[in-house]
Amino acid sequence: MSILSSKQLVDNALKEIKTISIEEAYELSIKNKSNLIDIRDVQELENEGRVENSHHIPRGMLEFWLDPSSPYFKDGKLDINKEMVLFCAGGLRSALAAKSLKEMGFKKVSHIEGGFSAMKHSKFKII
């Protein structure tokens, strides 16, 4: 049995998911056509700040909070008709998370190239 590396997992995910630029993510956000989902952990938010109008869903809870049959489901937290735009610190965890949401059956899913690191140097407001 061969174990895939985390890099291989991310590379595989990137082949299957939609990656969008900071500019595309910003346009979707200001046009209210997306759920901007920050999957970083709480410590990262406290240390680095967060993106205005983003929803925080820790990576470890993403599938559970978005699954209506889960006891952890957060009803009404997101508009499931809008694109799920995920980001983490640099784009690795969000690639894996986007693949997972796709596997769950979400059709409109993407992740932001460069993640929060790139968002800090863009039009997004960090609070």
N, C-alpha and C. Protein backbone atom coordinates (compact mmCIF):
# COMPACT_ATOMS: atom_id res chain seq x y z
N MET A 1 0.85 -1.19 0.00
CA MET A 1 0.00 0.00 0.00
C MET A 1 0.88 1.24 0.00
N SER A 2 0.54 2.16 -0.84
CA SER A 2 1.32 3.38 -0.93
C SER A 2 0.49 4.54 -0.36
N ILE A 3 1.12 5.33 0.45
CA ILE A 3 0.46 6.47 1.09
C ILE A 3 0.69 7.71 0.23
N LEU A 4 -0.40 8.42 -0.10
CA LEU A 4 -0.26 9.67 -0.85
C LEU A 4 0.22 10.77 0.09
N SER A 5 1.08 11.62 -0.42
CA SER A 5 1.54 12.76 0.37
C SER A 5 0.45 13.84 0.37
N SER A 6 0.56 14.75 1.29
CA SER A 6 -0.39 15.86 1.32
C SER A 6 -0.29 16.67 0.02
N LYS A 7 0.92 16.80 -0.51
CA LYS A 7 1.09 17.51 -1.79
C LYS A 7 0.35 16.80 -2.91
N GLN A 8 0.43 15.47 -2.95
CA GLN A 8 -0.30 14.71 -3.97
C GLN A 8 -1.80 14.90 -3.82
N LEU A 9 -2.28 14.89 -2.58
CA LEU A 9 -3.71 15.11 -2.34
C LEU A 9 -4.15 16.48 -2.85
N VAL A 10 -3.37 17.50 -2.55
CA VAL A 10 -3.70 18.85 -3.01
C VAL A 10 -3.63 18.93 -4.53
N ASP A 11 -2.57 18.37 -5.11
CA ASP A 11 -2.44 18.38 -6.57
C ASP A 11 -3.63 17.69 -7.24
N ASN A 12 -4.06 16.56 -6.68
CA ASN A 12 -5.24 15.85 -7.22
C ASN A 12 -6.49 16.70 -7.08
N ALA A 13 -6.65 17.34 -5.94
CA ALA A 13 -7.83 18.20 -5.71
C ALA A 13 -7.85 19.35 -6.71
N LEU A 14 -6.70 19.95 -6.96
CA LEU A 14 -6.63 21.09 -7.87
C LEU A 14 -7.04 20.73 -9.30
N LYS A 15 -6.90 19.47 -9.67
CA LYS A 15 -7.32 19.02 -11.00
C LYS A 15 -8.85 18.92 -11.10
N GLU A 16 -9.51 18.78 -9.95
CA GLU A 16 -10.95 18.52 -9.93
C GLU A 16 -11.80 19.72 -9.55
N ILE A 17 -11.19 20.72 -8.97
CA ILE A 17 -11.97 21.85 -8.44
C ILE A 17 -11.72 23.12 -9.23
N LYS A 18 -12.54 24.10 -8.97
CA LYS A 18 -12.42 25.41 -9.62
C LYS A 18 -11.60 26.33 -8.71
N THR A 19 -10.54 26.89 -9.27
CA THR A 19 -9.71 27.86 -8.56
C THR A 19 -10.00 29.23 -9.16
N ILE A 20 -10.31 30.20 -8.30
CA ILE A 20 -10.58 31.54 -8.80
C ILE A 20 -9.56 32.53 -8.26
N SER A 21 -9.41 33.62 -8.99
CA SER A 21 -8.46 34.66 -8.59
C SER A 21 -9.06 35.53 -7.49
N ILE A 22 -8.21 36.32 -6.87
CA ILE A 22 -8.66 37.28 -5.86
C ILE A 22 -9.70 38.22 -6.48
N GLU A 23 -9.44 38.66 -7.70
CA GLU A 23 -10.35 39.61 -8.37
C GLU A 23 -11.72 38.98 -8.60
N GLU A 24 -11.74 37.72 -9.07
CA GLU A 24 -13.02 37.03 -9.28
C GLU A 24 -13.77 36.87 -7.96
N ALA A 25 -13.04 36.51 -6.91
CA ALA A 25 -13.67 36.33 -5.59
C ALA A 25 -14.26 37.65 -5.09
N TYR A 26 -13.52 38.72 -5.30
CA TYR A 26 -13.99 40.04 -4.86
C TYR A 26 -15.27 40.43 -5.61
N GLU A 27 -15.29 40.21 -6.92
CA GLU A 27 -16.48 40.53 -7.72
C GLU A 27 -17.70 39.74 -7.24
N LEU A 28 -17.53 38.44 -7.03
CA LEU A 28 -18.62 37.61 -6.53
C LEU A 28 -19.12 38.12 -5.18
N SER A 29 -18.17 38.52 -4.35
CA SER A 29 -18.51 39.00 -3.01
C SER A 29 -19.30 40.31 -3.04
N ILE A 30 -18.82 41.29 -3.80
CA ILE A 30 -19.51 42.59 -3.80
C ILE A 30 -20.85 42.52 -4.53
N LYS A 31 -21.00 41.53 -5.42
CA LYS A 31 -22.28 41.35 -6.12
C LYS A 31 -23.22 40.44 -5.34
N ASN A 32 -22.78 40.04 -4.13
CA ASN A 32 -23.56 39.18 -3.24
C ASN A 32 -23.96 37.86 -3.92
N LYS A 33 -23.00 37.28 -4.66
CA LYS A 33 -23.26 36.03 -5.38
C LYS A 33 -22.49 34.85 -4.78
N SER A 34 -21.93 35.06 -3.59
CA SER A 34 -21.13 33.98 -3.01
C SER A 34 -21.24 33.97 -1.49
N ASN A 35 -20.91 32.82 -0.94
CA ASN A 35 -20.65 32.68 0.49
C ASN A 35 -19.13 32.62 0.60
N LEU A 36 -18.54 33.62 1.17
CA LEU A 36 -17.09 33.66 1.35
C LEU A 36 -16.79 32.93 2.66
N ILE A 37 -16.15 31.77 2.55
CA ILE A 37 -15.97 30.89 3.71
C ILE A 37 -14.50 30.77 4.07
N ASP A 38 -14.19 31.24 5.26
CA ASP A 38 -12.85 31.19 5.83
C ASP A 38 -12.73 29.91 6.64
N ILE A 39 -11.87 28.98 6.20
CA ILE A 39 -11.76 27.70 6.91
C ILE A 39 -10.54 27.63 7.83
N ARG A 40 -9.87 28.77 8.03
CA ARG A 40 -8.72 28.78 8.94
C ARG A 40 -9.18 28.51 10.36
N ASP A 41 -8.26 28.14 11.23
CA ASP A 41 -8.66 27.89 12.61
C ASP A 41 -8.77 29.21 13.38
N VAL A 42 -9.40 29.14 14.52
CA VAL A 42 -9.70 30.33 15.33
C VAL A 42 -8.43 31.11 15.66
N GLN A 43 -7.35 30.40 15.98
CA GLN A 43 -6.08 31.05 16.32
C GLN A 43 -5.57 31.91 15.17
N GLU A 44 -5.72 31.44 13.95
CA GLU A 44 -5.29 32.20 12.78
C GLU A 44 -6.10 33.48 12.63
N LEU A 45 -7.40 33.41 12.87
CA LEU A 45 -8.25 34.60 12.79
C LEU A 45 -7.85 35.62 13.84
N GLU A 46 -7.60 35.13 15.05
CA GLU A 46 -7.20 36.03 16.14
C GLU A 46 -5.86 36.69 15.86
N ASN A 47 -4.94 35.96 15.27
CA ASN A 47 -3.59 36.49 15.01
C ASN A 47 -3.51 37.37 13.77
N GLU A 48 -4.28 37.04 12.72
CA GLU A 48 -4.13 37.71 11.43
C GLU A 48 -5.29 38.63 11.05
N GLY A 49 -6.43 38.47 11.72
CA GLY A 49 -7.62 39.21 11.33
C GLY A 49 -8.47 38.36 10.41
N ARG A 50 -9.63 38.92 10.05
CA ARG A 50 -10.52 38.18 9.17
C ARG A 50 -11.03 39.08 8.07
N VAL A 51 -11.57 38.48 7.03
CA VAL A 51 -12.08 39.22 5.89
C VAL A 51 -13.50 39.66 6.20
N GLU A 52 -13.76 40.94 6.01
CA GLU A 52 -15.09 41.48 6.25
C GLU A 52 -16.11 40.72 5.39
N ASN A 53 -17.26 40.43 5.98
CA ASN A 53 -18.37 39.72 5.32
C ASN A 53 -18.07 38.26 4.98
N SER A 54 -17.06 37.69 5.60
CA SER A 54 -16.80 36.27 5.39
C SER A 54 -17.44 35.48 6.53
N HIS A 55 -17.68 34.21 6.26
CA HIS A 55 -18.21 33.29 7.26
C HIS A 55 -17.07 32.41 7.73
N HIS A 56 -16.94 32.26 9.04
CA HIS A 56 -15.89 31.38 9.54
C HIS A 56 -16.48 30.00 9.80
N ILE A 57 -15.94 29.00 9.11
CA ILE A 57 -16.27 27.60 9.38
C ILE A 57 -14.94 26.86 9.48
N PRO A 58 -14.54 26.45 10.69
CA PRO A 58 -13.26 25.76 10.81
C PRO A 58 -13.21 24.54 9.90
N ARG A 59 -12.05 24.28 9.32
CA ARG A 59 -11.88 23.18 8.37
C ARG A 59 -12.43 21.87 8.92
N GLY A 60 -12.19 21.60 10.17
CA GLY A 60 -12.63 20.34 10.76
C GLY A 60 -14.14 20.19 10.88
N MET A 61 -14.89 21.28 10.76
CA MET A 61 -16.34 21.24 10.91
C MET A 61 -17.10 21.48 9.61
N LEU A 62 -16.40 21.79 8.53
CA LEU A 62 -17.04 22.21 7.28
C LEU A 62 -18.13 21.24 6.81
N GLU A 63 -17.77 19.99 6.63
CA GLU A 63 -18.74 19.02 6.12
C GLU A 63 -19.92 18.84 7.07
N PHE A 64 -19.66 18.89 8.35
CA PHE A 64 -20.72 18.69 9.35
C PHE A 64 -21.68 19.88 9.41
N TRP A 65 -21.14 21.09 9.34
CA TRP A 65 -21.99 22.29 9.39
C TRP A 65 -22.83 22.45 8.14
N LEU A 66 -22.39 21.88 7.01
CA LEU A 66 -23.13 22.03 5.76
C LEU A 66 -23.98 20.81 5.39
N ASP A 67 -23.99 19.80 6.24
CA ASP A 67 -24.78 18.59 6.01
C ASP A 67 -26.09 18.67 6.78
N PRO A 68 -27.23 18.81 6.08
CA PRO A 68 -28.53 18.93 6.76
C PRO A 68 -28.86 17.75 7.67
N SER A 69 -28.26 16.58 7.45
CA SER A 69 -28.56 15.43 8.30
C SER A 69 -27.64 15.34 9.52
N SER A 70 -26.68 16.25 9.62
CA SER A 70 -25.73 16.24 10.74
C SER A 70 -26.31 16.99 11.94
N PRO A 71 -26.05 16.50 13.15
CA PRO A 71 -26.50 17.23 14.34
C PRO A 71 -25.80 18.60 14.48
N TYR A 72 -24.72 18.80 13.73
CA TYR A 72 -23.96 20.06 13.78
C TYR A 72 -24.38 21.05 12.69
N PHE A 73 -25.36 20.67 11.87
CA PHE A 73 -25.81 21.51 10.75
C PHE A 73 -26.16 22.91 11.23
N LYS A 74 -25.66 23.91 10.52
CA LYS A 74 -25.93 25.33 10.84
C LYS A 74 -26.98 25.85 9.84
N ASP A 75 -28.23 25.59 10.12
CA ASP A 75 -29.32 25.99 9.23
C ASP A 75 -29.37 27.51 9.12
N GLY A 76 -29.43 27.98 7.90
CA GLY A 76 -29.55 29.42 7.66
C GLY A 76 -28.25 30.19 7.72
N LYS A 77 -27.14 29.52 8.02
CA LYS A 77 -25.85 30.22 8.10
C LYS A 77 -25.40 30.69 6.72
N LEU A 78 -25.66 29.87 5.69
CA LEU A 78 -25.23 30.18 4.34
C LEU A 78 -26.40 30.05 3.37
N ASP A 79 -26.31 30.75 2.26
CA ASP A 79 -27.29 30.60 1.18
C ASP A 79 -26.73 29.55 0.23
N ILE A 80 -27.30 28.34 0.26
CA ILE A 80 -26.73 27.24 -0.52
C ILE A 80 -26.93 27.41 -2.02
N ASN A 81 -27.69 28.41 -2.44
CA ASN A 81 -27.85 28.68 -3.87
C ASN A 81 -26.71 29.52 -4.43
N LYS A 82 -25.92 30.11 -3.54
CA LYS A 82 -24.78 30.93 -3.96
C LYS A 82 -23.53 30.07 -4.03
N GLU A 83 -22.53 30.56 -4.76
CA GLU A 83 -21.26 29.84 -4.85
C GLU A 83 -20.57 29.80 -3.49
N MET A 84 -20.06 28.63 -3.15
CA MET A 84 -19.26 28.46 -1.93
C MET A 84 -17.82 28.78 -2.31
N VAL A 85 -17.32 29.91 -1.84
CA VAL A 85 -15.95 30.32 -2.16
C VAL A 85 -15.12 30.16 -0.89
N LEU A 86 -14.24 29.18 -0.91
CA LEU A 86 -13.45 28.83 0.27
C LEU A 86 -12.06 29.46 0.21
N PHE A 87 -11.55 29.77 1.40
CA PHE A 87 -10.14 30.18 1.47
C PHE A 87 -9.56 29.78 2.81
N CYS A 88 -8.25 29.57 2.81
CA CYS A 88 -7.49 29.30 4.03
C CYS A 88 -6.31 30.26 4.01
N ALA A 89 -5.22 29.93 4.66
CA ALA A 89 -4.09 30.85 4.69
C ALA A 89 -3.42 30.99 3.33
N GLY A 90 -3.18 29.87 2.65
CA GLY A 90 -2.45 29.93 1.39
C GLY A 90 -3.08 29.21 0.22
N GLY A 91 -4.12 28.44 0.44
CA GLY A 91 -4.80 27.77 -0.66
C GLY A 91 -4.70 26.26 -0.68
N LEU A 92 -4.00 25.66 0.28
CA LEU A 92 -3.87 24.21 0.28
C LEU A 92 -5.07 23.54 0.94
N ARG A 93 -5.37 23.94 2.18
CA ARG A 93 -6.53 23.36 2.88
C ARG A 93 -7.82 23.65 2.15
N SER A 94 -7.94 24.85 1.57
CA SER A 94 -9.18 25.19 0.86
C SER A 94 -9.36 24.36 -0.40
N ALA A 95 -8.26 23.94 -1.03
CA ALA A 95 -8.37 23.05 -2.20
C ALA A 95 -8.97 21.71 -1.77
N LEU A 96 -8.45 21.16 -0.68
CA LEU A 96 -8.98 19.89 -0.18
C LEU A 96 -10.43 20.04 0.27
N ALA A 97 -10.74 21.15 0.91
CA ALA A 97 -12.11 21.40 1.39
C ALA A 97 -13.08 21.56 0.22
N ALA A 98 -12.66 22.24 -0.82
CA ALA A 98 -13.52 22.43 -2.00
C ALA A 98 -13.81 21.08 -2.65
N LYS A 99 -12.81 20.22 -2.73
CA LYS A 99 -13.01 18.88 -3.28
C LYS A 99 -14.01 18.11 -2.44
N SER A 100 -13.91 18.23 -1.15
CA SER A 100 -14.83 17.55 -0.25
C SER A 100 -16.27 18.02 -0.44
N LEU A 101 -16.47 19.34 -0.58
CA LEU A 101 -17.82 19.86 -0.81
C LEU A 101 -18.37 19.38 -2.15
N LYS A 102 -17.50 19.32 -3.15
CA LYS A 102 -17.91 18.79 -4.46
C LYS A 102 -18.37 17.34 -4.32
N GLU A 103 -17.60 16.57 -3.57
CA GLU A 103 -17.96 15.17 -3.34
C GLU A 103 -19.28 15.04 -2.59
N MET A 104 -19.61 16.03 -1.75
CA MET A 104 -20.88 16.02 -1.02
C MET A 104 -22.06 16.33 -1.95
N GLY A 105 -21.76 16.92 -3.11
CA GLY A 105 -22.83 17.23 -4.06
C GLY A 105 -23.05 18.70 -4.31
N PHE A 106 -22.26 19.55 -3.66
CA PHE A 106 -22.38 20.99 -3.94
C PHE A 106 -21.86 21.25 -5.35
N LYS A 107 -22.62 21.97 -6.14
CA LYS A 107 -22.26 22.21 -7.55
C LYS A 107 -21.41 23.47 -7.72
N LYS A 108 -21.75 24.52 -6.98
CA LYS A 108 -21.05 25.80 -7.13
C LYS A 108 -20.04 25.96 -5.99
N VAL A 109 -18.85 25.46 -6.23
CA VAL A 109 -17.79 25.48 -5.22
C VAL A 109 -16.49 25.92 -5.89
N SER A 110 -15.75 26.79 -5.22
CA SER A 110 -14.43 27.19 -5.70
C SER A 110 -13.56 27.55 -4.51
N HIS A 111 -12.29 27.73 -4.78
CA HIS A 111 -11.40 28.22 -3.73
C HIS A 111 -10.52 29.31 -4.33
N ILE A 112 -10.04 30.17 -3.44
CA ILE A 112 -9.29 31.36 -3.87
C ILE A 112 -7.80 31.05 -3.94
N GLU A 113 -7.23 31.29 -5.10
CA GLU A 113 -5.80 31.11 -5.30
C GLU A 113 -5.03 32.06 -4.38
N GLY A 114 -4.12 31.50 -3.61
CA GLY A 114 -3.30 32.32 -2.72
C GLY A 114 -3.90 32.55 -1.34
N GLY A 115 -5.19 32.25 -1.17
CA GLY A 115 -5.83 32.34 0.13
C GLY A 115 -5.74 33.70 0.82
N PHE A 116 -5.82 33.65 2.14
CA PHE A 116 -5.82 34.87 2.95
C PHE A 116 -4.54 35.68 2.74
N SER A 117 -3.43 35.00 2.52
CA SER A 117 -2.16 35.71 2.29
C SER A 117 -2.28 36.67 1.13
N ALA A 118 -2.95 36.24 0.06
CA ALA A 118 -3.15 37.11 -1.11
C ALA A 118 -4.27 38.12 -0.86
N MET A 119 -5.28 37.73 -0.11
CA MET A 119 -6.42 38.61 0.14
C MET A 119 -6.02 39.85 0.94
N LYS A 120 -5.00 39.70 1.81
CA LYS A 120 -4.53 40.83 2.61
C LYS A 120 -4.02 41.97 1.75
N HIS A 121 -3.59 41.64 0.53
CA HIS A 121 -3.01 42.64 -0.38
C HIS A 121 -3.94 42.92 -1.55
N SER A 122 -5.24 42.93 -1.26
CA SER A 122 -6.23 43.14 -2.33
C SER A 122 -7.29 44.13 -1.85
N LYS A 123 -8.39 44.19 -2.57
CA LYS A 123 -9.48 45.10 -2.22
C LYS A 123 -10.29 44.61 -1.02
N PHE A 124 -10.12 43.35 -0.65
CA PHE A 124 -10.86 42.82 0.51
C PHE A 124 -10.46 43.59 1.77
N LYS A 125 -11.44 43.88 2.61
CA LYS A 125 -11.18 44.60 3.84
C LYS A 125 -10.92 43.59 4.96
N ILE A 126 -9.79 43.75 5.63
CA ILE A 126 -9.42 42.87 6.74
C ILE A 126 -9.78 43.58 8.04
N ILE A 127 -10.53 42.89 8.90
CA ILE A 127 -10.95 43.52 10.16
C ILE A 127 -10.40 42.74 11.35
